[in-house]
């Protein structure tokens, strides 16, 4: 199971509307301050706190339950990381939604 890139994490947390902090950082090499964003860490607590409720509101209870069963089955019988697995399962929902939006006639 691949770890998500910073760009994938950014897209994921923005889709979930998770709290994103604007922070100022300092580059010790260039000796300059710069603005950046601090996203929540990808862990099961944050996934269930921010992502699963959004999935539930978009898919409904039954489809969310099916999705979570798929997630459970994916790591119960294998030694995969449950956190990364849930991230990618929810990532599939994000991709499906983006695909639906792009194919919806205006």
Protein backbone atom coordinates (compact mmCIF):
# COMPACT_ATOMS: atom_id res chain seq x y z
CA UNK A 1 0.00 0.00 0.00
CA UNK A 2 1.59 3.25 -1.14
CA UNK A 3 1.82 6.25 1.13
CA UNK A 4 -0.06 9.29 -0.18
CA UNK A 5 1.89 12.21 -1.57
CA UNK A 6 1.56 15.66 -0.04
CA UNK A 7 -0.65 16.68 -2.98
CA UNK A 8 -2.95 13.67 -2.42
CA UNK A 9 -3.20 14.50 1.29
CA UNK A 10 -4.01 18.13 0.47
CA UNK A 11 -6.79 17.14 -1.95
CA UNK A 12 -8.13 14.57 0.51
CA UNK A 13 -8.32 16.92 3.51
CA UNK A 14 -9.76 19.76 1.44
CA UNK A 15 -12.49 17.41 0.16
CA UNK A 16 -13.25 16.42 3.76
CA UNK A 17 -13.26 20.07 4.83
CA UNK A 18 -10.90 19.20 7.66
CA UNK A 19 -9.43 22.11 9.61
CA UNK A 20 -6.33 23.36 7.83
CA UNK A 21 -4.05 25.75 9.66
CA UNK A 22 -2.19 28.53 7.90
CA UNK A 23 1.25 28.81 9.43
CA UNK A 24 4.41 30.79 8.86
CA UNK A 25 7.57 28.77 8.45
CA UNK A 26 11.23 29.69 8.16
CA UNK A 27 13.61 28.28 5.58
CA UNK A 28 17.02 28.07 7.25
CA UNK A 29 18.84 27.82 3.91
CA UNK A 30 17.30 30.86 2.20
CA UNK A 31 16.68 32.59 5.55
CA UNK A 32 13.19 33.60 4.45
CA UNK A 33 9.78 33.24 6.02
CA UNK A 34 7.04 31.67 3.96
CA UNK A 35 3.38 30.82 4.40
CA UNK A 36 2.29 27.21 4.29
CA UNK A 37 -0.61 25.04 5.36
CA UNK A 38 -0.64 22.42 8.06
CA UNK A 39 -2.97 19.49 7.38
CA UNK A 40 -4.11 16.93 9.94
CA UNK A 41 -2.00 13.79 10.09
CA UNK A 42 -3.39 10.76 8.29
CA UNK A 43 -4.44 8.54 11.18
CA UNK A 44 -7.57 6.55 12.00
CA UNK A 45 -8.80 9.17 14.48
CA UNK A 46 -8.74 11.94 11.88
CA UNK A 47 -10.13 9.73 9.13
CA UNK A 48 -13.14 8.81 11.25
CA UNK A 49 -13.49 12.34 12.60
CA UNK A 50 -13.38 14.22 9.28
CA UNK A 51 -13.62 11.88 6.29
CA UNK A 52 -16.15 9.20 7.25
CA UNK A 53 -18.91 11.72 8.14
CA UNK A 54 -18.46 13.40 4.74
CA UNK A 55 -18.62 10.03 3.01
CA UNK A 56 -21.77 9.21 4.96
CA UNK A 57 -23.42 12.50 3.97
CA UNK A 58 -22.60 11.91 0.30
CA UNK A 59 -23.29 8.16 0.04
CA UNK A 60 -25.86 7.53 2.74
CA UNK A 61 -25.69 5.07 5.60
CA UNK A 62 -25.97 1.80 3.67
CA UNK A 63 -23.31 2.61 1.09
CA UNK A 64 -21.01 3.91 3.82
CA UNK A 65 -21.49 0.69 5.75
CA UNK A 66 -20.63 -1.29 2.61
CA UNK A 67 -17.53 0.85 2.12
CA UNK A 68 -16.40 0.31 5.72
CA UNK A 69 -16.96 -3.45 5.42
CA UNK A 70 -14.77 -3.44 2.32
CA UNK A 71 -12.15 -1.59 4.34
CA UNK A 72 -12.37 -4.04 7.27
CA UNK A 73 -12.12 -7.06 5.01
CA UNK A 74 -9.11 -5.60 3.23
CA UNK A 75 -6.88 -5.69 6.28
CA UNK A 76 -8.40 -8.31 8.57
CA UNK A 77 -7.18 -11.13 6.35
CA UNK A 78 -3.95 -9.42 5.30
CA UNK A 79 -1.23 -7.49 7.04
CA UNK A 80 -1.94 -4.17 5.38
CA UNK A 81 -1.90 -0.86 7.21
CA UNK A 82 -5.53 -0.10 8.14
CA UNK A 83 -4.93 3.67 8.14
CA UNK A 84 -3.53 3.82 4.62
CA UNK A 85 -6.13 1.36 3.45
CA UNK A 86 -9.01 3.53 4.72
CA UNK A 87 -7.37 6.61 3.18
CA UNK A 88 -7.32 4.90 -0.25
CA UNK A 89 -10.85 3.46 0.09
CA UNK A 90 -12.19 6.96 0.80
CA UNK A 91 -9.95 8.22 -2.01
CA UNK A 92 -11.98 6.01 -4.37
CA UNK A 93 -15.13 7.86 -3.26
CA UNK A 94 -13.45 11.19 -3.98
CA UNK A 95 -12.47 9.98 -7.46
CA UNK A 96 -16.01 8.71 -8.15
CA UNK A 97 -17.48 12.04 -7.08
CA UNK A 98 -15.01 13.99 -9.24
CA UNK A 99 -15.85 11.73 -12.18
CA UNK A 100 -19.60 12.26 -11.64
CA UNK A 101 -19.15 16.02 -11.46
CA UNK A 102 -17.07 16.10 -14.64
CA UNK A 103 -19.60 14.02 -16.61
CA UNK A 104 -22.70 15.87 -15.40
CA UNK A 105 -24.19 17.87 -18.30
CA UNK A 106 -24.71 21.56 -17.67
